[in-house]
Protein backbone atom coordinates (compact mmCIF):
# COMPACT_ATOMS: atom_id res chain seq x y z
CA MET A 1 -43.15 199.27 81.23
CA VAL A 2 -43.16 195.37 81.29
CA TRP A 3 -43.44 193.93 77.79
CA SER A 4 -45.08 190.52 77.21
CA ARG A 5 -43.93 188.17 74.71
CA GLU A 6 -47.08 188.38 72.83
CA GLU A 7 -46.74 192.22 72.93
CA VAL A 8 -43.15 192.09 71.81
CA ALA A 9 -44.48 189.94 69.05
CA ALA A 10 -47.74 192.02 68.04
CA ARG A 11 -44.71 195.19 67.60
CA ILE A 12 -42.48 193.25 65.58
CA LEU A 13 -45.28 192.38 63.22
CA ALA A 14 -46.00 195.96 63.31
CA GLY A 15 -42.62 196.73 61.92
CA ASP A 16 -40.48 197.40 65.12
CA VAL A 17 -36.85 196.21 65.46
CA LEU A 18 -37.10 194.68 68.95
CA ILE A 19 -34.11 192.92 70.69
CA VAL A 20 -34.14 191.63 74.06
CA TYR A 21 -30.91 192.78 76.34
CA ASN A 22 -30.11 192.36 79.78
CA GLY A 23 -33.71 192.33 80.52
CA HIS A 24 -34.37 195.30 78.58
CA LEU A 25 -36.24 195.52 75.42
CA LEU A 26 -34.17 197.65 72.93
CA LYS A 27 -36.15 198.85 69.97
CA ILE A 28 -33.25 199.55 66.94
CA PRO A 29 -34.71 202.84 65.23
CA ASP A 30 -34.58 202.47 61.33
CA PHE A 31 -31.51 204.83 61.09
CA TRP A 32 -29.23 202.87 63.20
CA LEU A 33 -30.45 199.71 61.55
CA ASP A 34 -29.21 201.23 58.23
CA ALA A 35 -25.95 202.40 59.95
CA HIS A 36 -25.11 199.93 62.17
CA PRO A 37 -21.38 199.26 61.77
CA GLY A 38 -21.44 195.57 62.14
CA GLY A 39 -24.47 195.38 59.32
CA SER A 40 -28.01 195.32 59.37
CA LEU A 41 -28.08 191.64 59.37
CA ALA A 42 -26.23 191.23 62.78
CA LEU A 43 -29.16 192.93 64.29
CA LEU A 44 -32.21 191.32 62.22
CA HIS A 45 -31.14 187.91 63.20
CA PHE A 46 -31.96 188.75 66.66
CA VAL A 47 -35.30 190.48 66.89
CA GLY A 48 -37.52 188.88 69.14
CA ARG A 49 -34.49 186.74 70.52
CA ASP A 50 -32.30 187.70 73.90
CA ALA A 51 -29.17 188.79 72.12
CA THR A 52 -27.29 189.60 75.85
CA ASP A 53 -24.13 187.33 75.10
CA GLU A 54 -23.95 188.27 71.28
CA ILE A 55 -23.83 191.84 72.25
CA GLN A 56 -21.38 191.81 75.10
CA ALA A 57 -19.14 189.73 73.05
CA TYR A 58 -19.30 192.04 70.49
CA HIS A 59 -19.22 195.50 72.05
CA GLN A 60 -16.64 197.20 74.27
CA ASP A 61 -17.59 198.94 77.56
CA ASP A 62 -17.84 202.53 76.08
CA THR A 63 -20.32 201.15 73.62
CA LEU A 64 -22.25 199.25 76.09
CA ASP A 65 -23.02 202.07 77.87
CA LEU A 66 -24.84 203.76 75.00
CA ILE A 67 -27.25 200.81 74.61
CA PRO A 68 -29.70 201.54 77.54
CA ARG A 69 -30.88 204.53 75.54
CA TYR A 70 -32.96 202.27 73.09
CA SER A 71 -34.62 200.55 75.87
CA ILE A 72 -38.27 201.00 75.63
CA GLY A 73 -38.88 199.01 78.79
CA ARG A 74 -38.24 195.74 80.40
CA VAL A 75 -39.34 192.38 79.22
CA ASP A 76 -41.40 189.64 81.54
CA ILE A 77 -38.61 186.86 81.59
CA PRO A 78 -39.41 183.57 83.45
CA PRO A 79 -36.94 181.78 85.38
CA SER A 80 -36.13 179.38 82.51
CA GLY A 81 -35.20 182.45 80.40
CA TRP A 82 -36.59 184.04 77.49
CA VAL A 83 -38.93 182.17 75.32
CA PRO A 84 -37.43 183.38 71.96
CA LEU A 85 -39.35 184.31 68.83
CA LEU A 86 -38.28 183.66 65.50
CA PRO A 87 -36.58 186.57 63.51
CA PRO A 88 -38.52 187.29 60.57
CA ILE A 89 -35.60 187.29 58.44
CA MET A 90 -35.36 183.65 59.27
CA SER A 91 -38.62 182.97 57.60
CA GLY A 92 -37.69 185.09 54.34
CA TRP A 93 -39.24 188.68 55.42
CA VAL A 94 -37.47 191.72 55.61
CA ARG A 95 -38.67 195.48 55.47
CA LYS A 96 -37.70 197.93 52.43
CA LEU A 97 -38.28 201.02 51.48
CA ASP A 98 -41.26 201.52 49.01
CA GLY A 99 -41.74 204.15 46.39
CA GLN A 100 -43.10 206.69 48.84
CA GLY A 101 -40.15 206.09 51.33
CA ASN A 102 -42.09 204.19 53.66
CA ARG A 103 -40.83 200.72 54.90
CA THR A 104 -43.22 197.64 53.97
CA TRP A 105 -42.67 193.81 54.39
CA VAL A 106 -41.15 192.37 51.64
CA HIS A 107 -41.31 188.29 51.08
CA GLU A 108 -37.88 187.49 49.91
CA ALA A 109 -38.09 183.68 50.10
CA ASP A 110 -40.03 180.99 51.73
CA ALA A 111 -39.55 179.45 54.95
CA PHE A 112 -39.36 175.51 55.07
CA ARG A 113 -39.93 173.93 58.24
CA SER A 114 -38.79 170.43 59.04
CA PRO A 115 -41.80 168.01 59.35
CA VAL A 116 -39.19 165.31 60.39
CA ASN A 117 -36.85 164.96 63.25
CA THR A 118 -33.49 163.39 62.21
CA GLU A 119 -29.84 164.45 62.95
CA LYS A 120 -28.96 166.50 59.75
CA LEU A 121 -32.63 167.86 59.28
CA PRO A 122 -34.01 168.46 62.77
CA SER A 123 -37.67 169.50 63.81
CA SER A 124 -36.16 173.06 64.68
CA GLN A 125 -34.60 173.57 61.44
CA VAL A 126 -35.73 176.09 59.04
CA LEU A 127 -34.45 176.71 55.59
CA LEU A 128 -35.00 179.23 52.99
CA VAL A 129 -36.17 178.45 49.54
CA GLU A 130 -36.95 180.26 46.60
CA LYS A 131 -40.08 182.49 46.62
CA GLU A 132 -43.58 181.00 46.35
CA ARG A 133 -41.97 177.51 45.88
CA LEU A 134 -44.08 176.15 49.06
CA LEU A 135 -46.63 178.76 49.98
CA PRO A 136 -48.94 181.27 48.41
CA ALA A 137 -48.01 184.99 48.15
CA SER A 138 -48.99 186.96 51.13
CA ASP A 139 -48.21 190.60 52.17
CA GLN A 140 -46.76 190.48 55.42
CA PRO A 141 -45.61 187.81 58.46
CA THR A 142 -48.11 186.56 60.72
CA THR A 143 -48.02 185.18 64.40
CA ASP A 144 -47.44 181.90 63.42
CA THR A 145 -44.38 183.14 61.18
CA LEU A 146 -42.58 184.32 64.49
CA GLN A 147 -43.39 180.97 66.49
CA PRO A 148 -40.02 178.61 66.40
CA PRO A 149 -40.28 175.39 65.39
CA PRO A 150 -40.38 172.57 68.32
CA THR A 151 -36.60 172.11 69.54
CA GLY A 152 -35.09 169.08 71.12
CA LEU A 153 -33.34 171.73 73.47
CA SER A 154 -33.96 172.47 76.95
CA LEU A 155 -34.44 176.35 77.43
CA GLU A 156 -33.65 175.96 81.02
CA ILE A 157 -30.11 174.33 80.27
CA GLN A 158 -29.52 176.99 77.51
CA THR A 159 -30.12 179.77 79.62
CA LYS A 160 -27.84 177.72 82.11
CA HIS A 161 -25.19 177.44 79.40
CA SER A 162 -25.74 181.50 78.76
CA LYS A 163 -25.21 182.39 82.48
CA ALA A 164 -22.12 180.35 82.65
CA TYR A 165 -20.41 181.85 79.53
CA ARG A 166 -20.94 185.43 81.21
CA GLU A 167 -19.49 184.29 84.15
CA LEU A 168 -16.48 182.86 81.67
CA HIS A 169 -16.82 186.08 80.08
CA LYS A 170 -15.95 187.99 83.09
CA ARG A 171 -13.06 185.86 84.13
CA ILE A 172 -11.18 186.59 80.89
CA VAL A 173 -11.64 190.35 81.35
CA ASP A 174 -10.24 190.14 84.83
CA ALA A 175 -7.40 187.97 83.57
CA GLY A 176 -6.35 190.99 81.51
CA LEU A 177 -6.79 188.92 78.25
CA TYR A 178 -8.39 191.73 76.26
CA LYS A 179 -5.05 193.77 76.73
CA THR A 180 -3.23 194.00 73.57
CA PRO A 181 0.31 192.43 73.80
CA TYR A 182 1.75 195.16 71.30
CA LEU A 183 5.83 194.21 72.06
CA SER A 184 5.39 190.44 72.64
CA GLY A 185 2.67 189.61 70.03
CA TYR A 186 2.75 192.55 67.19
CA GLY A 187 6.32 193.17 67.53
CA PRO A 188 7.77 190.00 66.29
CA GLU A 189 4.95 189.81 63.84
CA VAL A 190 6.00 193.44 62.36
CA ILE A 191 9.51 192.33 62.13
CA ARG A 192 8.22 189.01 59.96
CA TYR A 193 6.30 191.08 57.76
CA THR A 194 8.87 193.47 56.92
CA LEU A 195 11.78 190.79 56.06
CA LEU A 196 9.07 188.64 53.87
CA GLY A 197 8.34 192.12 52.06
CA LEU A 198 11.98 193.05 51.68
CA LEU A 199 13.00 189.67 50.21
CA SER A 200 10.45 189.71 47.93
CA VAL A 201 11.83 193.19 46.62
CA TYR A 202 15.27 192.04 46.84
CA ALA A 203 14.62 189.33 44.65
CA TYR A 204 12.48 191.00 42.39
CA GLY A 205 15.26 193.33 41.95
CA ASN A 206 17.56 190.50 41.02
CA ARG A 207 14.87 189.34 38.47
CA TRP A 208 14.61 186.08 40.33
CA PHE A 209 10.80 186.60 39.74
CA ILE A 210 9.02 183.37 40.88
CA THR A 211 11.20 183.62 44.15
CA SER A 212 9.93 187.16 44.56
CA ALA A 213 6.34 186.00 43.96
CA VAL A 214 6.66 183.08 46.59
CA PHE A 215 7.70 185.64 49.23
CA LEU A 216 5.17 187.98 48.25
CA GLY A 217 2.44 185.55 48.74
CA LEU A 218 4.11 184.77 52.12
CA THR A 219 3.84 188.44 52.99
CA TRP A 220 0.20 188.59 52.01
CA HIS A 221 -0.51 185.47 54.13
CA GLN A 222 0.71 186.77 57.36
CA LEU A 223 -0.77 190.22 56.77
CA VAL A 224 -4.34 188.79 56.86
CA PHE A 225 -3.93 187.74 60.31
CA SER A 226 -3.33 191.28 61.40
CA ALA A 227 -6.46 192.50 59.18
CA HIS A 228 -8.60 190.00 60.58
CA ASP A 229 -7.73 191.56 64.26
CA LEU A 230 -8.25 195.17 63.01
CA GLY A 231 -11.90 194.09 61.50
CA HIS A 232 -12.67 192.87 64.84
CA MET A 233 -11.30 196.02 66.57
CA GLY A 234 -8.96 193.46 68.25
CA VAL A 235 -5.79 195.68 68.22
CA THR A 236 -6.21 199.36 69.47
CA HIS A 237 -9.98 198.69 70.25
CA ASN A 238 -10.47 202.02 68.48
CA TRP A 239 -13.02 201.72 65.50
CA THR A 240 -11.33 204.70 63.47
CA ILE A 241 -7.75 203.48 64.17
CA ASP A 242 -8.53 200.14 63.80
CA ARG A 243 -10.05 200.56 60.49
CA LEU A 244 -7.67 202.96 58.97
CA LEU A 245 -4.85 200.30 59.74
CA GLY A 246 -7.18 197.60 58.51
CA ILE A 247 -7.63 199.39 55.49
CA LEU A 248 -3.65 199.97 54.87
CA ILE A 249 -3.14 196.32 55.03
CA ALA A 250 -6.10 194.82 53.56
CA ASP A 251 -6.98 197.17 50.59
CA PHE A 252 -3.47 199.31 49.88
CA ILE A 253 -1.37 196.05 50.16
CA GLY A 254 -3.52 193.33 49.75
CA GLY A 255 -6.36 194.54 47.20
CA LEU A 256 -9.07 193.17 49.48
CA SER A 257 -12.07 195.18 51.09
CA ILE A 258 -11.66 195.33 54.63
CA GLY A 259 -15.22 196.64 54.74
CA TRP A 260 -16.44 193.63 52.92
CA TRP A 261 -14.59 191.42 55.30
CA VAL A 262 -16.24 192.93 58.39
CA ASP A 263 -19.59 192.77 56.96
CA ASN A 264 -19.51 189.11 55.93
CA HIS A 265 -17.61 188.09 58.79
CA ASN A 266 -19.60 189.42 61.36
CA VAL A 267 -22.69 187.31 60.02
CA HIS A 268 -20.61 184.38 59.96
CA HIS A 269 -19.85 184.57 63.45
CA LEU A 270 -23.50 185.05 64.60
CA VAL A 271 -25.32 182.36 62.59
CA THR A 272 -22.29 179.94 62.10
CA ASN A 273 -22.80 177.16 59.52
CA HIS A 274 -26.43 177.82 59.00
CA PRO A 275 -27.03 176.89 55.58
CA SER A 276 -29.46 179.63 54.59
CA HIS A 277 -27.48 182.48 56.55
CA ASP A 278 -23.89 182.13 57.03
CA PRO A 279 -21.89 183.20 53.90
CA ASP A 280 -18.98 181.30 55.09
CA ILE A 281 -20.31 177.85 54.06
CA GLU A 282 -22.48 179.04 50.94
CA HIS A 283 -20.23 178.26 47.99
CA ILE A 284 -22.38 176.71 45.53
CA PRO A 285 -21.41 175.75 42.80
CA PHE A 286 -17.81 174.85 43.95
CA PHE A 287 -18.62 173.31 47.40
CA ALA A 288 -21.72 171.94 49.06
CA VAL A 289 -20.75 170.82 52.89
CA SER A 290 -24.48 169.65 53.17
CA PRO A 291 -26.74 167.44 51.17
CA LEU A 292 -29.05 170.55 52.25
CA PHE A 293 -27.39 172.73 49.36
CA LEU A 294 -28.55 170.20 46.96
CA THR A 295 -32.28 171.74 47.08
CA SER A 296 -31.15 175.17 45.70
CA LEU A 297 -31.53 177.31 49.04
CA TRP A 298 -31.94 180.94 49.38
CA SER A 299 -29.04 182.95 50.62
CA SER A 300 -30.54 185.63 53.18
CA TYR A 301 -26.68 187.15 52.79
CA TYR A 302 -26.33 187.25 49.54
CA LYS A 303 -30.10 187.70 48.51
CA ARG A 304 -30.21 184.95 45.84
CA VAL A 305 -31.25 181.53 45.43
CA MET A 306 -27.76 179.09 45.25
CA ARG A 307 -28.95 177.44 42.37
CA TYR A 308 -28.02 173.63 42.56
CA ASP A 309 -28.29 173.41 38.36
CA ARG A 310 -26.10 171.60 35.87
CA PHE A 311 -22.84 172.79 36.63
CA SER A 312 -23.15 172.61 40.14
CA LYS A 313 -24.03 168.71 39.96
CA THR A 314 -20.95 168.38 37.48
CA VAL A 315 -18.51 170.08 39.99
CA ILE A 316 -20.04 169.16 43.38
CA SER A 317 -19.96 165.37 42.06
CA VAL A 318 -16.13 165.58 42.18
CA GLN A 319 -15.57 168.30 44.86
CA HIS A 320 -13.25 166.25 47.11
CA LYS A 321 -10.72 165.82 44.06
CA LEU A 322 -11.20 169.36 43.18
CA PHE A 323 -10.85 170.61 46.92
CA TYR A 324 -7.22 171.89 46.62
CA LEU A 325 -7.26 172.99 43.12
CA VAL A 326 -10.13 175.51 44.13
CA MET A 327 -8.41 176.53 47.39
CA MET A 328 -5.19 177.37 45.28
CA PHE A 329 -7.43 180.28 43.51
CA ALA A 330 -9.32 181.28 46.33
CA ARG A 331 -8.01 184.75 46.70
CA LEU A 332 -9.37 185.47 43.27
CA ASN A 333 -12.90 184.79 44.84
CA LEU A 334 -12.25 187.50 47.44
CA TYR A 335 -11.50 189.92 45.12
CA ARG A 336 -14.80 189.17 43.39
CA LEU A 337 -16.60 189.46 46.89
CA SER A 338 -14.74 192.41 47.83
CA TYR A 339 -15.43 194.50 44.63
CA THR A 340 -19.13 193.57 44.40
CA PHE A 341 -19.61 194.76 48.04
CA LEU A 342 -17.87 198.09 47.33
CA ILE A 343 -19.87 198.92 44.15
CA LYS A 344 -23.10 198.07 45.98
CA LYS A 345 -22.08 200.50 48.92
CA ALA A 346 -21.42 203.28 46.11
CA LEU A 347 -24.59 204.81 46.68
CA ASP A 348 -25.14 203.83 50.31
CA THR A 349 -25.24 207.19 52.28
CA LYS A 350 -26.44 205.76 55.77
CA ARG A 351 -23.39 204.68 56.96
CA ALA A 352 -22.09 205.27 60.62
CA ARG A 353 -19.10 206.70 62.19
CA GLY A 354 -17.32 208.06 58.78
CA GLY A 355 -18.34 205.00 56.70
CA ARG A 356 -18.26 207.28 53.54
CA TRP A 357 -14.73 208.45 54.43
CA ALA A 358 -13.56 204.56 55.06
CA TRP A 359 -15.64 203.39 51.80
CA GLY A 360 -13.74 206.19 49.77
CA LEU A 361 -10.08 205.19 51.10
CA GLU A 362 -10.71 201.76 50.36
CA ILE A 363 -11.47 202.46 46.78
CA ALA A 364 -8.35 204.46 46.98
CA GLY A 365 -6.48 201.53 48.53
CA ILE A 366 -8.00 199.10 45.84
CA LEU A 367 -6.83 201.39 42.86
CA PHE A 368 -3.19 201.96 44.49
CA PHE A 369 -2.90 198.07 44.83
CA TRP A 370 -3.61 197.43 41.16
CA THR A 371 -1.40 199.93 40.00
CA TRP A 372 1.60 198.93 42.22
CA PHE A 373 0.64 194.95 41.68
CA GLY A 374 0.35 195.90 37.90
CA ARG A 375 3.64 197.69 37.75
CA VAL A 376 5.23 194.65 39.22
CA LEU A 377 3.72 192.47 36.66
CA ILE A 378 4.36 194.28 33.83
CA GLY A 379 8.03 194.61 35.23
CA CYS A 380 8.37 190.97 34.66
CA GLY A 381 9.39 191.68 31.10
CA SER A 382 7.15 188.90 29.38
CA TRP A 383 3.66 187.59 29.73
CA PRO A 384 4.25 184.31 30.66
CA THR A 385 6.46 185.73 33.32
CA ALA A 386 3.84 188.08 34.52
CA ILE A 387 1.06 185.25 34.68
CA ALA A 388 3.41 182.95 36.30
CA TYR A 389 4.25 185.70 39.25
CA PHE A 390 0.64 186.24 39.32
CA LEU A 391 -0.06 182.53 39.88
CA VAL A 392 2.49 181.73 42.13
CA SER A 393 1.75 184.80 44.33
CA HIS A 394 -1.67 183.71 44.81
CA VAL A 395 -1.44 180.30 45.43
CA VAL A 396 1.43 180.60 48.21
CA THR A 397 -1.60 182.03 50.15
CA SER A 398 -3.82 178.90 49.77
CA PRO A 399 -3.14 177.23 52.72
CA LEU A 400 -4.33 180.02 55.15
CA HIS A 401 -7.85 179.26 52.73
CA VAL A 402 -7.53 175.64 53.70
CA GLN A 403 -6.96 176.61 57.30
CA ILE A 404 -10.10 178.66 57.30
CA VAL A 405 -12.29 175.85 56.15
CA LEU A 406 -11.29 173.18 58.49
CA SER A 407 -12.68 175.07 61.28
CA HIS A 408 -16.33 175.05 59.99
CA PHE A 409 -16.58 172.32 56.98
CA SER A 410 -16.59 169.53 59.15
CA MET A 411 -18.87 170.28 61.82
CA SER A 412 -22.56 170.35 62.32
CA THR A 413 -24.92 172.39 60.11
CA ALA A 414 -28.18 171.65 61.45
CA ASP A 415 -30.19 174.47 62.51
CA LEU A 416 -31.25 173.92 66.41
CA GLY A 417 -33.56 177.31 66.44
CA PRO A 418 -33.19 180.61 68.45
CA THR A 419 -33.60 178.36 71.65
CA GLU A 420 -30.25 177.54 71.17
CA SER A 421 -27.24 179.67 73.46
CA PHE A 422 -24.58 181.50 71.71
CA PRO A 423 -22.00 179.53 73.56
CA HIS A 424 -23.66 176.09 72.45
CA ARG A 425 -23.73 177.07 68.94
CA GLN A 426 -20.10 178.18 68.59
CA LEU A 427 -19.00 174.75 70.19
CA ARG A 428 -21.02 172.83 68.18
CA THR A 429 -20.43 174.28 64.97
CA THR A 430 -16.75 175.26 65.34
CA THR A 431 -13.42 173.24 66.18
CA ASP A 432 -9.80 174.04 66.94
CA VAL A 433 -6.49 173.08 64.50
CA THR A 434 -4.21 172.05 66.80
CA CYS A 435 -0.31 172.48 66.17
CA PRO A 436 3.01 172.69 68.21
CA PRO A 437 3.78 176.04 69.62
CA SER A 438 6.40 176.71 67.58
CA LEU A 439 4.47 176.33 64.24
CA ALA A 440 1.47 178.92 65.66
CA PHE A 441 2.47 181.77 63.56
CA LEU A 442 1.67 180.07 60.33
CA HIS A 443 -1.84 179.81 61.41
CA GLY A 444 -1.34 183.45 63.10
CA GLY A 445 -2.83 181.68 66.20
CA LEU A 446 -6.28 182.00 64.57
CA HIS A 447 -6.46 177.92 64.71
CA LEU A 448 -7.88 178.29 68.14
CA GLN A 449 -11.27 179.25 66.29
CA VAL A 450 -13.63 177.75 69.00
CA THR A 451 -12.14 180.45 71.54
CA HIS A 452 -12.18 183.23 69.04
CA HIS A 453 -15.90 182.52 67.78
CA LEU A 454 -16.77 182.85 71.62
CA PHE A 455 -14.44 186.18 72.04
CA PRO A 456 -14.06 187.38 68.85
CA ARG A 457 -12.66 190.80 70.07
CA LEU A 458 -9.95 188.83 72.13
CA PRO A 459 -6.38 189.89 70.72
CA ARG A 460 -5.26 186.42 69.26
CA HIS A 461 -2.06 186.49 70.91
CA ASN A 462 -4.67 185.81 74.13
CA LEU A 463 -6.29 183.11 72.50
CA ALA A 464 -3.73 180.24 73.73
CA ARG A 465 -4.40 181.44 77.44
CA ALA A 466 -8.05 181.75 77.02
CA SER A 467 -8.57 178.51 75.44
CA GLN A 468 -7.68 176.79 78.59
CA LEU A 469 -10.42 178.42 80.53
CA VAL A 470 -13.08 177.70 77.47
CA LYS A 471 -12.15 173.95 78.01
CA GLN A 472 -12.92 173.98 81.43
CA PHE A 473 -16.14 175.91 81.01
CA ALA A 474 -17.02 173.08 78.18
CA GLN A 475 -16.25 170.01 80.68
CA GLU A 476 -18.19 171.84 83.40
CA GLN A 477 -21.40 172.42 81.08
CA GLY A 478 -21.27 169.42 79.43
CA MET A 479 -20.29 170.47 75.90
CA THR A 480 -17.67 169.26 73.54
CA TYR A 481 -14.71 171.34 72.48
CA ALA A 482 -13.37 170.09 69.25
CA GLU A 483 -10.11 169.86 67.87
CA PHE A 484 -8.14 167.97 65.63
CA GLY A 485 -4.57 168.18 63.93
CA PHE A 486 -4.22 169.90 60.76
CA VAL A 487 -3.95 166.30 58.73
CA SER A 488 -6.70 164.65 60.35
CA GLY A 489 -8.52 167.86 59.94
CA ASN A 490 -8.14 167.61 56.19
CA LYS A 491 -9.19 164.12 56.23
CA GLN A 492 -12.26 164.86 57.86
CA VAL A 493 -12.99 167.90 55.58
CA LEU A 494 -12.54 165.69 52.60
CA GLY A 495 -14.87 163.05 53.80
CA ILE A 496 -17.51 165.46 54.48
CA LEU A 497 -17.04 166.68 50.78
CA GLN A 498 -16.91 163.36 49.39
CA GLU A 499 -19.84 161.90 51.15
CA VAL A 500 -22.14 164.74 49.70
CA ALA A 501 -20.38 163.89 46.17
CA GLU A 502 -21.16 160.50 45.98
CA GLN A 503 -25.07 161.57 46.63
CA ALA A 504 -24.82 164.19 44.00
CA ARG A 505 -22.85 161.97 41.69
CA LEU A 506 -24.52 158.51 42.04
CA LEU A 507 -28.21 159.25 43.32
CA GLY A 508 -28.88 162.71 41.98
CA LYS A 509 -31.12 164.08 44.29
CA VAL A 510 -31.41 161.51 46.74
CA ALA A 511 -29.33 163.35 49.41
CA ALA A 512 -32.00 165.91 49.42
CA ALA A 513 -35.04 163.44 48.94
CA GLU A 514 -35.96 163.73 52.60
CA VAL A 515 -36.12 167.61 52.17
CA GLN A 516 -38.02 167.29 48.76
CA GLU A 517 -40.55 165.01 50.24
CA ALA A 518 -41.35 167.26 53.22
CA MET A 519 -42.04 170.22 50.44
CA ASP A 520 -43.98 168.22 48.84
CA LYS A 521 -46.25 167.59 51.94
CA THR A 522 -46.24 171.03 52.94
CA ASN A 523 -47.64 172.11 49.01
CA THR A 524 -50.22 169.48 49.20
CA SER A 525 -51.37 170.15 53.21
């Protein structure tokens, strides 16, 4: 059977989760939506869209071989490419279980569609705000809900980018860059991790507590890179083994949830820098990287309104001055996010591939972490020394958090709509942090974020070689491959924060006046 776009839209409105892949129409059953290892949002953001590039980038061949079993036919794709629908979740609509166990449409938030067309607020932009701020309540989405706003992008050109990206992906595979360099890559790193850990233990044994704290912080800093790879299944490429190793490093040694990180990070990769959907730029009340956050947007990931309240106004008005201070204690926020995630998952029985044992092992890992780390703090002999040890060990990890935000905070947060191809979005919203090869280990090789975002499963030790192919691809396709040094990157991020801070401080909500005015027009129309 060949499905038309109109038929696909009708089935979506009837409750089906339909995604286009390689010319096939995939129907995602409810059980897999609940159990998908990458999280349900990774699927919901591509309902009605062609997700061929994203699916191939995130899945191995053995998994891709299983995908056709979900096909219910093919779709009618014109030469210029599939004309995408707007996923319901991007308009604030999701399906949830009611009291009788049936899935029904729930209106989580109102969708604000931009009636203007500026660089920061293009006509294609769809943002989510608090429910019933704009529109009267309704029972379910309509055909109009699924129609994307007009975009300045050419579907034909975006399809061309997508085809070129698939050719690039084949070149990456043929070059053997998905093969993990265990000895040359992880060999030196294991030695480095072990040395830092032993130095921390040695200093602690000699009661050089602050020195011990420094080396412990450096150990955490370096171990995060391997935990990152394991979360992406980029080490052994086996879900079970990589997850076990990830839990050992992240939970048992670092006190953080690898499960939370995977859930959060997958969404970040797929809707990079979208104000309403990417949790990695949603940092109200401490940071606002765009004036759009001054309008109290709804987060589809956190399922709450990101209130721009009095406290937020005060902090954001000086956010460029507080940037490094907040980054010094960013690890504390990771604890909060990790444990909130694990608590929410406590009653979740619809997990895939051994998810329940993974959750239980994570809980054991967190308890183990606070047991051994608590004993370390108690062994300091006094509360002042223990507090100093705690703070120093956590502050030492802060350069990592700074590095992470450099790759996205200064890049575009505009939503160009579902017409935008996967490679175009990643190149537009991500930048590299350049550094001498001799210092690459400080960044864990993840300073090459552009290539990592295009090929998230690629072993990071191969990113340098792959980035040369990506730069050639970008040049051939007329796209910009952004990169800057660590110092200039910091200046750019501080500049963005200061720009938003000045608007927040001096003009109140003038930074968001264009949005607010458009909302008022929508209300009266």
